[in-house]
Protein backbone atom coordinates (compact mmCIF):
# COMPACT_ATOMS: atom_id res chain seq x y z
CA MET A 1 16.04 36.81 -7.99
CA ASN A 2 14.49 34.81 -10.73
CA ARG A 3 13.29 35.54 -14.05
CA TYR A 4 9.82 35.94 -12.86
CA ASN A 5 10.62 38.73 -10.59
CA GLU A 6 11.37 40.90 -13.47
CA SER A 7 7.51 41.87 -13.18
CA PRO A 8 8.31 45.98 -12.08
CA ILE A 9 4.26 45.35 -10.80
CA PHE A 10 5.63 42.98 -7.30
CA PRO A 11 8.74 43.04 -5.67
CA ALA A 12 10.88 39.63 -4.55
CA ALA A 13 8.02 37.20 -2.89
CA ALA A 14 9.35 36.99 0.78
CA ALA A 15 8.95 40.69 0.76
CA ILE A 16 5.37 40.27 0.20
CA LYS A 17 2.88 41.25 2.55
CA PRO A 18 -1.06 40.87 2.70
CA ALA A 19 -3.51 44.15 2.04
CA GLN A 20 -0.30 45.85 2.38
CA VAL A 21 1.64 46.10 -0.99
CA LEU A 22 -0.79 43.33 -2.86
CA PRO A 23 -3.05 45.83 -5.06
CA SER A 24 -6.78 44.81 -5.24
CA ARG A 25 -6.80 45.81 -8.72
CA VAL A 26 -4.72 44.90 -10.78
CA SER A 27 -4.13 42.00 -14.00
CA LEU A 28 -5.00 38.91 -14.32
CA SER A 29 -1.60 38.76 -16.42
CA ALA A 30 0.37 39.98 -12.79
CA ALA A 31 -1.15 38.30 -10.38
CA LEU A 32 -0.67 34.56 -11.79
CA TRP A 33 3.18 35.62 -12.46
CA TRP A 34 2.98 36.69 -8.37
CA ASN A 35 1.97 33.30 -7.75
CA ILE A 36 4.74 32.05 -10.25
CA SER A 37 7.34 34.40 -8.41
CA LEU A 38 6.14 33.20 -4.67
CA LYS A 39 6.78 29.38 -5.57
CA GLU A 40 10.16 30.26 -6.96
CA ASP A 41 11.11 31.89 -4.36
CA GLY A 42 9.84 29.79 -1.72
CA GLY A 43 11.88 27.16 -3.63
CA HIS A 44 9.06 24.79 -5.26
CA SER A 45 10.00 24.60 -9.03
CA ARG A 46 7.75 22.01 -9.64
CA THR A 47 4.88 23.71 -8.51
CA ALA A 48 6.03 26.88 -10.19
CA ALA A 49 6.58 25.14 -13.50
CA ASN A 50 2.91 23.52 -13.22
CA TYR A 51 1.63 27.50 -12.32
CA LEU A 52 3.27 28.39 -15.82
CA SER A 53 1.82 25.74 -17.73
CA SER A 54 -1.27 27.19 -16.78
CA LEU A 55 -0.70 30.51 -17.25
CA GLY A 56 -0.33 29.68 -20.49
CA ALA A 57 -3.44 27.73 -21.26
CA VAL A 58 -5.36 31.26 -20.11
CA ARG A 59 -3.30 32.85 -22.05
CA ALA A 60 -4.10 30.59 -25.37
CA TYR A 61 -8.22 31.57 -24.39
CA LEU A 62 -7.67 34.95 -23.74
CA GLY A 63 -5.13 35.46 -27.23
CA GLY A 64 -4.30 39.21 -27.15
CA GLU A 65 -6.07 40.89 -24.30
CA PHE A 66 -4.32 38.80 -21.73
CA ASP A 67 -1.82 41.46 -20.38
CA ARG A 68 -5.06 43.64 -20.20
CA PHE A 69 -7.70 41.39 -18.97
CA PRO A 70 -8.49 42.53 -15.24
CA LEU A 71 -8.62 40.01 -12.37
CA SER A 72 -12.37 41.52 -11.48
CA GLY A 73 -13.17 40.48 -15.20
CA VAL A 74 -12.59 36.49 -13.66
CA THR A 75 -16.48 36.49 -13.29
CA PRO A 76 -18.84 33.13 -12.90
CA ALA A 77 -19.62 33.14 -16.08
CA TRP A 78 -16.11 33.90 -17.50
CA VAL A 79 -14.97 30.69 -15.72
CA GLU A 80 -17.64 29.15 -17.02
CA GLY A 81 -16.46 29.80 -20.33
CA TYR A 82 -12.96 28.91 -19.81
CA ALA A 83 -13.53 25.84 -18.25
CA SER A 84 -16.21 24.89 -21.34
CA TRP A 85 -12.97 26.03 -23.86
CA LEU A 86 -10.63 23.43 -21.87
CA ARG A 87 -13.00 20.32 -22.26
CA SER A 88 -13.03 20.34 -25.76
CA ARG A 89 -9.59 21.53 -26.40
CA HIS A 90 -8.64 18.86 -23.75
CA ALA A 91 -11.57 16.36 -25.27
CA SER A 92 -9.45 13.68 -25.27
CA SER A 93 -7.58 13.97 -21.94
CA ALA A 94 -10.00 15.64 -19.16
CA ALA A 95 -7.15 15.25 -16.53
CA THR A 96 -4.58 18.18 -18.28
CA ALA A 97 -8.30 20.32 -19.12
CA GLU A 98 -8.16 19.44 -14.92
CA PHE A 99 -4.94 19.74 -14.59
CA TYR A 100 -4.87 23.97 -16.05
CA PHE A 101 -8.39 24.69 -14.27
CA ARG A 102 -7.61 23.73 -10.75
CA ASN A 103 -4.12 25.22 -10.83
CA PHE A 104 -5.63 28.49 -12.47
CA ARG A 105 -8.39 28.14 -9.92
CA VAL A 106 -5.74 28.22 -7.02
CA MET A 107 -3.77 31.05 -8.19
CA CYS A 108 -6.90 33.48 -8.28
CA ARG A 109 -7.86 32.57 -4.76
CA ARG A 110 -4.38 32.84 -3.43
CA TYR A 111 -4.27 36.63 -4.57
CA TRP A 112 -7.98 37.35 -3.55
CA ARG A 113 -7.24 35.69 0.09
CA LEU A 114 -3.90 37.83 0.45
CA ALA A 115 -5.44 41.19 -1.18
CA CYS A 116 -8.34 41.26 1.12
CA ALA A 117 -9.88 41.67 -2.35
CA SER A 118 -13.66 41.13 -2.85
CA LEU A 119 -15.18 38.15 -4.68
CA PRO A 120 -16.44 39.06 -8.31
CA GLY A 121 -20.01 39.04 -8.51
CA GLY A 122 -19.69 38.29 -4.75
CA ARG A 123 -19.56 35.24 -4.72
CA ASP A 124 -16.50 33.05 -5.54
CA PRO A 125 -16.75 32.23 -9.19
CA PHE A 126 -15.10 28.69 -9.37
CA ALA A 127 -17.94 27.44 -6.74
CA GLY A 128 -20.06 24.59 -8.79
CA ILE A 129 -17.58 23.81 -11.23
CA ALA A 130 -15.89 20.64 -11.71
CA PHE A 131 -13.98 18.10 -14.20
CA HIS A 132 -15.51 14.61 -13.39
CA VAL A 133 -11.98 13.10 -13.94
CA ARG A 134 -11.51 9.10 -13.22
CA PRO A 135 -8.83 8.97 -10.62
CA ALA A 136 -5.45 7.10 -11.54
CA SER A 137 -4.67 4.19 -9.80
CA LYS A 138 -1.52 4.17 -7.70
CA ARG A 139 -0.18 1.59 -8.76
CA ALA A 140 2.88 -0.17 -6.16
CA LEU A 141 5.05 -3.98 -7.09
CA PRO A 142 4.14 -7.05 -5.37
CA ARG A 143 6.33 -8.78 -3.64
CA GLU A 144 7.52 -11.10 -6.22
CA SER A 145 8.43 -8.37 -8.49
CA LEU A 146 9.66 -6.99 -6.14
CA ALA A 147 12.54 -9.53 -5.20
CA ARG A 148 13.45 -9.77 -9.25
CA LEU A 149 14.51 -6.03 -8.98
CA LEU A 150 16.40 -7.07 -5.85
CA ASP A 151 18.38 -9.62 -7.77
CA PRO A 152 21.81 -8.80 -7.31
CA GLY A 153 22.27 -10.59 -11.19
CA LEU A 154 19.91 -7.91 -12.42
CA ARG A 155 22.70 -5.73 -12.23
CA ALA A 156 25.21 -7.35 -14.04
CA ARG A 157 22.95 -7.00 -16.97
CA LEU A 158 22.65 -3.44 -17.22
CA THR A 159 24.68 -0.51 -18.33
CA GLU A 160 26.53 2.36 -15.84
CA ARG A 161 24.01 4.78 -15.74
CA GLU A 162 21.04 2.18 -15.69
CA GLY A 163 22.95 0.90 -12.64
CA GLU A 164 23.07 4.73 -10.96
CA SER A 165 19.72 4.49 -11.40
CA LEU A 166 18.50 0.67 -9.90
CA ASP A 167 20.58 2.45 -6.78
CA VAL A 168 17.95 5.45 -6.63
CA LEU A 169 15.43 3.44 -6.90
CA HIS A 170 17.10 0.62 -4.57
CA PHE A 171 17.36 3.79 -2.39
CA ILE A 172 14.48 5.26 -1.90
CA LEU A 173 12.33 1.53 -1.31
CA PHE A 174 15.13 1.54 2.13
CA THR A 175 14.66 5.28 3.25
CA ARG A 176 10.96 5.42 3.57
CA GLY A 177 9.63 6.26 0.92
CA MET A 178 11.50 9.32 0.38
CA ALA A 179 10.48 11.37 -2.66
CA PHE A 180 13.02 11.85 -5.38
CA GLN A 181 13.10 15.76 -5.17
CA ASP A 182 14.33 15.18 -1.48
CA VAL A 183 17.09 12.37 -2.67
CA TRP A 184 18.19 14.97 -5.37
CA ASN A 185 18.70 17.61 -2.83
CA LEU A 186 19.95 15.00 -0.52
CA ARG A 187 23.97 16.24 0.98
CA HIS A 188 25.76 14.50 2.98
CA ASP A 189 26.27 17.16 6.27
CA MET A 190 21.97 16.24 6.41
CA VAL A 191 23.30 12.59 7.80
CA GLY A 192 23.93 12.81 11.49
CA ASP A 193 26.77 11.41 13.66
CA ASP A 194 23.69 9.23 14.99
CA GLY A 195 23.16 7.75 11.51
CA HIS A 196 20.39 9.50 10.64
CA ILE A 197 19.09 11.50 8.00
CA ARG A 198 16.94 14.75 9.01
CA TYR A 199 15.58 17.25 6.22
CA ARG A 200 12.35 18.46 5.50
CA ARG A 201 10.20 17.79 2.51
CA SER A 202 10.51 19.84 0.06
CA LYS A 203 7.23 19.75 -1.12
CA THR A 204 5.32 20.01 2.20
CA GLY A 205 7.85 21.29 4.83
CA ALA A 206 7.44 18.46 6.99
CA PRO A 207 10.26 17.46 9.32
CA ILE A 208 11.65 13.84 8.85
CA ASP A 209 13.97 12.13 10.33
CA VAL A 210 14.83 8.54 8.55
CA LEU A 211 17.33 5.70 10.43
CA VAL A 212 20.22 5.17 7.97
CA THR A 213 19.90 1.56 6.99
CA ALA A 214 22.74 -0.55 6.26
CA GLU A 215 21.20 -1.16 2.83
CA ALA A 216 21.40 2.69 2.74
CA ALA A 217 25.03 3.41 3.76
CA ALA A 218 26.16 1.55 1.34
CA LEU A 219 24.80 2.97 -1.43
CA MET A 220 25.88 5.91 -0.17
CA GLU A 221 29.43 5.29 0.47
CA ARG A 222 29.45 3.49 -3.43
CA HIS A 223 28.50 6.89 -4.61
CA ARG A 224 30.72 9.41 -2.62
CA ARG A 225 32.98 11.64 -4.20
CA CYS A 226 35.52 13.63 -2.95
CA GLY A 227 34.75 17.52 -2.93
CA SER A 228 30.82 16.59 -3.76
CA PRO A 229 28.35 17.77 -1.41
CA TRP A 230 25.72 15.30 -2.52
CA VAL A 231 25.07 11.92 -1.66
CA PHE A 232 23.92 11.46 -5.63
CA PRO A 233 26.65 13.30 -7.69
CA PHE A 234 25.82 12.31 -10.74
CA LEU A 235 22.35 13.40 -10.66
CA HIS A 236 24.27 17.06 -10.55
CA ASP A 237 26.79 16.26 -13.14
CA PHE A 238 25.53 17.76 -16.61
CA ARG A 239 28.04 16.42 -18.60
CA ARG A 240 27.19 12.44 -18.65
CA VAL A 241 24.75 14.01 -21.25
CA GLU A 242 26.30 13.95 -24.79
CA ARG A 243 23.39 15.88 -26.37
CA ALA A 244 23.77 18.80 -24.34
CA ALA A 245 24.76 21.83 -26.37
CA PRO A 246 28.44 22.76 -25.61
CA GLY A 247 27.38 25.70 -23.56
CA ASP A 248 25.27 23.49 -20.94
CA ARG A 249 27.95 20.79 -20.18
CA ASN A 250 28.98 23.01 -17.44
CA ARG A 251 25.66 23.72 -16.07
CA GLU A 252 23.78 21.49 -12.61
CA PRO A 253 20.62 19.99 -14.45
CA SER A 254 18.09 20.96 -12.98
CA GLU A 255 15.37 18.00 -10.70
CA GLU A 256 13.36 17.66 -13.92
CA SER A 257 15.46 17.00 -16.16
CA SER A 258 17.43 14.71 -13.42
CA LEU A 259 14.09 12.60 -12.75
CA LYS A 260 13.40 12.21 -16.51
CA ARG A 261 16.55 10.71 -16.57
CA VAL A 262 16.21 8.31 -13.95
CA ASN A 263 12.69 7.07 -14.87
CA ARG A 264 13.63 6.36 -18.53
CA HIS A 265 16.16 4.18 -17.24
CA ALA A 266 13.97 2.93 -14.49
CA LEU A 267 11.50 2.00 -17.66
CA SER A 268 14.09 0.12 -19.43
CA ILE A 269 15.04 -2.11 -16.28
CA GLY A 270 11.31 -2.93 -15.16
CA ARG A 271 11.26 -4.28 -18.81
CA LEU A 272 14.32 -6.27 -18.31
CA ALA A 273 13.35 -7.54 -15.20
CA GLY A 274 10.22 -8.91 -16.64
CA LEU A 275 8.51 -6.26 -13.96
CA PRO A 276 3.64 -5.92 -15.02
CA ILE A 277 3.90 -2.02 -14.10
CA PRO A 278 5.86 0.31 -15.77
CA LEU A 279 8.79 1.20 -13.18
CA THR A 280 9.33 4.45 -12.13
CA THR A 281 10.16 6.33 -8.25
CA TYR A 282 7.00 6.97 -7.10
CA VAL A 283 6.28 3.03 -8.15
CA MET A 284 9.11 2.61 -5.54
CA ARG A 285 7.26 5.13 -2.86
CA HIS A 286 3.90 3.28 -3.34
CA THR A 287 5.69 0.18 -2.90
CA TRP A 288 6.83 0.84 0.32
CA ALA A 289 3.59 2.54 1.40
CA THR A 290 2.13 -1.00 0.40
CA LEU A 291 4.58 -3.18 1.90
CA MET A 292 4.44 -0.86 5.32
CA GLN A 293 0.27 -1.08 5.28
CA GLU A 294 0.28 -4.84 4.06
CA ALA A 295 2.50 -4.83 7.52
CA GLY A 296 -0.59 -4.18 9.67
CA TYR A 297 1.49 -0.61 10.18
CA SER A 298 -0.96 2.85 11.54
CA VAL A 299 -1.95 5.23 8.66
CA GLU A 300 -0.51 7.99 11.20
CA LEU A 301 3.04 6.41 11.11
CA ILE A 302 2.98 5.39 7.34
CA GLY A 303 2.25 9.42 6.82
CA GLN A 304 4.45 10.70 9.45
CA CYS A 305 7.27 8.17 6.76
CA LEU A 306 5.58 9.94 3.85
CA GLY A 307 5.90 13.32 5.18
CA HIS A 308 2.28 14.35 4.84
CA THR A 309 1.04 17.40 6.70
CA SER A 310 -2.42 15.43 7.84
CA GLU A 311 -3.52 11.19 8.45
CA GLU A 312 -6.38 12.36 5.98
CA THR A 313 -4.01 12.24 3.07
CA THR A 314 -2.06 9.71 3.68
CA ARG A 315 -5.90 7.71 3.70
CA ILE A 316 -6.36 9.63 0.68
CA TYR A 317 -3.23 8.30 -0.86
CA LEU A 318 -2.95 4.79 0.20
CA SER A 319 -6.74 3.94 -0.76
CA GLY A 320 -5.43 4.26 -4.18
CA ILE A 321 -2.95 1.45 -3.88
CA SER A 322 -4.31 -0.95 -1.43
CA ARG A 323 -6.87 -2.89 -3.91
CA GLY A 324 -4.27 -5.74 -4.29
CA SER A 325 -4.41 -6.34 -0.46
CA VAL A 326 -8.52 -5.61 -0.54
CA ASP A 327 -8.32 -8.46 -3.46
CA ARG A 328 -6.12 -10.66 -1.43
CA ALA A 329 -8.33 -10.65 1.83
CA VAL A 330 -11.18 -11.09 -0.20
CA ASP A 331 -10.02 -14.40 -1.39
CA ASP A 332 -8.42 -15.51 1.04
CA MET A 333 -12.30 -15.16 2.84
CA LEU A 334 -13.68 -17.11 0.28
CA ASP A 335 -10.68 -20.08 0.72
CA ARG A 336 -11.66 -20.36 4.35
CA LEU A 337 -15.29 -19.69 4.77
CA VAL A 338 -16.86 -20.46 1.36
CA ARG A 339 -15.06 -22.52 -0.94
CA PRO A 340 -14.74 -25.34 1.70
CA TYR A 341 -19.10 -25.75 1.68
CA ALA A 342 -19.14 -25.75 -2.12
CA GLN A 343 -20.13 -28.64 -4.21
CA GLY A 344 -16.10 -29.13 -5.92
CA GLY A 345 -15.07 -25.73 -5.57
CA PRO A 346 -13.55 -23.39 -8.13
CA LYS A 347 -11.29 -25.06 -10.62
CA GLY A 348 -7.63 -24.44 -9.91
CA LYS A 349 -8.62 -23.34 -5.84
CA ARG A 350 -6.82 -25.96 -3.73
CA ALA A 351 -7.73 -26.55 -0.17
CA SER A 352 -5.56 -26.41 2.72
CA ASP A 353 -4.64 -29.13 4.77
CA SER A 354 -7.15 -28.03 7.93
CA GLN A 355 -9.86 -27.60 5.21
CA VAL A 356 -9.30 -31.13 4.75
CA LYS A 357 -9.01 -32.50 7.82
CA ARG A 358 -12.57 -30.57 9.05
CA ARG A 359 -14.26 -32.27 5.90
CA HIS A 360 -13.27 -35.77 7.06
CA ARG A 361 -14.47 -34.73 10.47
CA LYS A 362 -18.58 -34.63 9.11
CA LYS A 363 -20.85 -37.18 9.54
CA ASP A 364 -22.48 -36.98 6.88
CA THR A 365 -23.66 -39.28 4.11
CA PRO A 366 -21.66 -40.34 1.67
CA ALA A 367 -22.93 -39.29 -2.30
CA GLY A 368 -23.97 -42.71 -2.98
CA GLY A 369 -26.72 -42.70 0.16
CA THR A 370 -25.14 -45.34 1.70
CA GLU A 371 -23.88 -44.55 5.91
CA ARG A 372 -20.54 -44.90 6.23
CA PRO A 373 -19.97 -48.19 8.06
CA ALA A 374 -18.89 -47.38 12.01
CA ARG A 375 -15.00 -48.35 12.61
CA LYS A 376 -13.85 -51.72 13.81
CA GLY A 377 -12.98 -52.53 17.46
CA ARG A 378 -14.47 -48.49 19.42
CA VAL A 379 -17.76 -47.71 19.46
CA LEU A 380 -18.28 -44.08 19.16
CA PRO A 381 -21.33 -42.68 21.32
CA GLU A 382 -23.29 -39.97 20.27
CA GLU A 383 -22.45 -36.59 21.69
CA GLY A 384 -25.03 -35.94 24.87
CA ALA A 385 -26.62 -39.92 25.17
CA THR A 386 -25.59 -42.79 27.17
CA GLU A 387 -25.28 -45.94 25.47
CA PRO A 388 -28.11 -48.81 27.32
CA ARG A 389 -26.68 -51.66 29.59
CA ASN A 390 -28.31 -54.25 27.57
CA ALA A 391 -26.62 -52.93 24.04
CA GLN A 392 -23.24 -53.20 26.03
CA CYS A 393 -24.33 -56.88 26.72
CA ALA A 394 -25.54 -57.36 23.19
CA VAL A 395 -22.39 -55.92 21.55
CA ASN A 396 -20.20 -58.50 23.53
CA LYS A 397 -22.67 -61.25 23.56
CA ASP A 398 -21.73 -60.37 19.16
CA SER A 399 -17.95 -60.40 20.10
CA GLY A 400 -18.06 -63.94 21.50
CA GLY A 401 -18.59 -63.48 25.40
CA GLY A 402 -22.20 -64.24 25.88
CA GLN A 403 -23.64 -64.27 28.85
CA GLU A 404 -20.27 -64.58 30.89
CA GLY A 405 -19.62 -60.77 29.41
CA CYS A 406 -22.28 -59.39 30.64
CA ALA A 407 -22.04 -60.63 34.23
CA ARG A 408 -18.65 -59.53 33.90
CA GLU A 409 -19.90 -56.01 33.05
CA LYS A 410 -21.96 -56.50 35.96
CA LYS A 411 -19.44 -57.33 38.29
CA CYS A 412 -17.30 -54.31 37.21
CA LEU A 413 -18.71 -51.74 35.49
CA PHE A 414 -16.31 -49.32 34.60
CA LEU A 415 -15.14 -52.55 32.22
CA ALA A 416 -16.72 -51.89 28.75
CA LYS A 417 -15.84 -51.80 25.25
CA LYS A 418 -12.95 -49.55 24.62
CA GLY A 419 -13.69 -46.17 23.99
CA THR A 420 -17.45 -46.54 25.62
CA LEU A 421 -15.84 -45.16 29.03
CA LEU A 422 -13.19 -42.67 27.38
CA PRO A 423 -14.69 -41.73 24.30
CA HIS A 424 -12.16 -40.98 21.63
CA ARG A 425 -13.93 -37.61 20.56
CA PHE A 426 -15.16 -35.64 23.93
CA PRO A 427 -18.02 -33.39 23.89
CA HIS A 428 -17.61 -30.02 23.00
CA LYS A 429 -18.80 -28.48 25.40
CA LEU A 430 -15.60 -29.15 27.85
CA PHE A 431 -14.00 -27.01 25.67
CA GLY A 432 -16.45 -24.42 24.78
CA ASP A 433 -16.78 -23.52 21.23
CA LYS A 434 -17.06 -26.37 19.14
CA SER A 435 -14.20 -25.39 16.45
CA ASN A 436 -11.73 -24.65 19.21
CA SER A 437 -12.73 -28.44 20.33
CA TYR A 438 -9.52 -29.76 18.69
CA GLN A 439 -6.42 -27.63 19.74
CA PRO A 440 -2.92 -29.28 19.83
CA ASN A 441 -3.17 -29.99 23.72
CA MET A 442 -5.31 -32.90 22.18
CA GLN A 443 -2.04 -34.78 22.37
CA ILE A 444 -1.85 -34.85 25.91
CA ILE A 445 -4.92 -36.47 26.55
CA HIS A 446 -5.11 -38.46 23.80
CA LYS A 447 -1.72 -39.76 25.72
CA ILE A 448 -3.53 -39.76 29.18
CA CYS A 449 -6.19 -42.04 27.43
CA PHE A 450 -3.31 -44.32 26.07
CA ILE A 451 -2.52 -45.17 29.75
CA TYR A 452 -6.09 -45.10 31.34
CA ASN A 453 -6.53 -48.42 28.82
CA CYS A 454 -3.52 -49.94 29.61
CA ILE A 455 -4.75 -50.21 33.15
CA ILE A 456 -7.72 -51.25 32.53
CA SER A 457 -6.71 -54.19 29.85
CA ARG A 458 -3.67 -55.18 33.03
CA LEU A 459 -7.20 -55.44 35.62
CA SER A 460 -9.30 -57.10 32.91
CA ARG A 461 -6.94 -59.54 32.82
CA SER A 462 -6.32 -59.88 36.90
CA VAL A 463 -10.39 -60.24 37.32
CA ASP A 464 -10.17 -62.78 34.34
CA THR A 465 -8.32 -64.41 36.48
C-alpha cells in the first residue's frame, strides 16, 4: 500500500477491474490519482513520479477548482486552453510543456478506456493538438573516446565513490546496455548456474537473458558484500551520503536518488577523461547500441538485447544515435568515388594507396600537354589492336637489326619484341569488368610470362647460332 492508495475513491490498483469498479462520472483529480496508484502498485515508480509532476501542472492551471473539476469537463475547448497555458508558462522550454501535456493525455485516455466512459463531446478532446518539439539527439561515445573511459589508468585518478560509479558504467557496457533501473534492481540470485542473468526489464516487462562476460563477472565479484543480496550494494547504502538527515541514514535510497548520484560522478569522470559529450548512464546504453549497429547486427537483435517490445521502437531508438555512422559512411563514399577525380581534392584529405595506383594507371596526357614517353625496351599495343608486320620490321631496323631482323621474324614469327607476344597489360575482356582486371592472381600470371620470356630468349639464341 502506498500513499496514493489513501484516496477513499479507489482500492488498490491491482484489484480494479475495467467497467466494474471505475465509475464513468468522477472528478479529474480522482482519475489522475488512480493512474498514479496504478503505476506505483505495478512497480513503475519513475512513471508514477512523472504522472505526479503532470498532476501538479493541472492543479496549477485549475487552482482551487482542481478537486471539484469533473473529468467530463475535459472537452476539446478546455484542452486547447490548457495547452495554450502550458506553451506560455514554459515558453523557453517546449519539451517541458510537451512532457506535462503528454502524461496528462495518457492518464485521461487510459481512464476513459478502462471505465468504458463516453468521450466528452463525442470525440477525443486531445486530437489535433501537438507541441512542436525538436527531438533531442541521443548521443553515444565514439570508439576513440571509449578507449579513454576503459583506460586502467583512469581509475587511479578517481575517488572511491567515483570509482564505484565508473564500475556501474562499465557494467552497463558489458551487459548489453542494461538500463540503470535494472542494474539497481539486480540481485545475485538472478544469476543462474549457467552464467546467465535472467530478469524482466522494469520499464516494459520484457524478459531478458544476458550472458555474464568475464568483465562483468569481475565487476560483480569486486563489489560482492557478505549478507547483501544486491550486485552493487553501494547503490542501496544510504549511509554514504553525509548530507542525509539523521533519521534517513538507515533508510534505503530510491532508484532515482542513486541514479542522480551516479550521473553526477559520471559527469566528473567524463570531464577528467576529456570526453566530447557529457557522460551519463544512458550514454553508455546508447554507446552499446551504436557499436552493435556499426558492427552490422540486425535491428531485431539489438532491440531484443535492449528489451524493446517492438522492432519499430528500436528503429526510432537507433535513428537518433546513428548520425555519426551516416556521416562516416558518406565521407568514405566521397573518398572512394568522388575525391580521387576532383582537381587536387579538398585540403587535408589524403588519397589512399589504391587510389594513387589507379591514378597512375590512366593514360591521360600530363598537364603540360606533352605525351608521356613510352617505356624503353617494351612495346605496349593498344587493347584490341594488332600491330602490322612492317611496323615490327621498322622497330627492329631502328634497333640495329636491319633487314636481317625482318628476315628472322619472317622465319620465326613468334619471335618479336619483348611484350608484343604477351603484353604486360592483358585485355580486360579476359577478366570481365575493367575494375577487376588487376587482382592478386596477376602475380602468378607475371611469373608465367617471365618463364615464357626466358624460354623465348633461349630459342632466339639457338636460332642465331
